[in-house]
């Protein structure tokens, strides 16, 4: 079992939920682990693209294979990090399955979440950008008064908003699926 400085505040917050306190504690830990996983994911992509797998070649042309490899390695690094933290911190009492079996289940659930999120973002980003750009444009004009949104800007904004929505939905999916499938041997209290 891993102990860290976040345990006390997490227990203090979750204790306010009565008989659901243990599940709230697990969810808060799971969310923190997910945030750390996002840092591992983004950090790994950044490091790989800055060193071994640049996203463009010497002439500035995109290298799709490098991007695919960097994001795949980053996804795997984040899954392994999240699995280890969840196994030893979020669910330290889950030991009826082997590490290998739990890792396979955790990876499968993570992959399903990633696939759903990617499909959502890929199909919804432009529509989301079209919806939110007029809503956010007055706030953008506070910082950049002469800003005129472009089609590309709507796509970028839509991607960010769709990704935020996707992260929230996938976090709930990953928690519930892992709680009731990968780590279903822990008590509710």
Foldseek 3Di string as FASTA:
>chain_A
DDDDPVLVVLQVVLVVVPLQSLVSSLLVLLVVLLVVLVCQQVVQLVVCCVPPQPQADPVRHGDVVSNVVSNVVSLVRSLVSSLVCCCVPSQVPQDPDDSVVLSVQLVVLSVVLVVVLVVQLVVFLQVQLVVCCVVCVVVVCVVVVVDDDDSVNSSVVSSVVSNVVSVVVSSVSSSVSCCCPSRVPDDSD
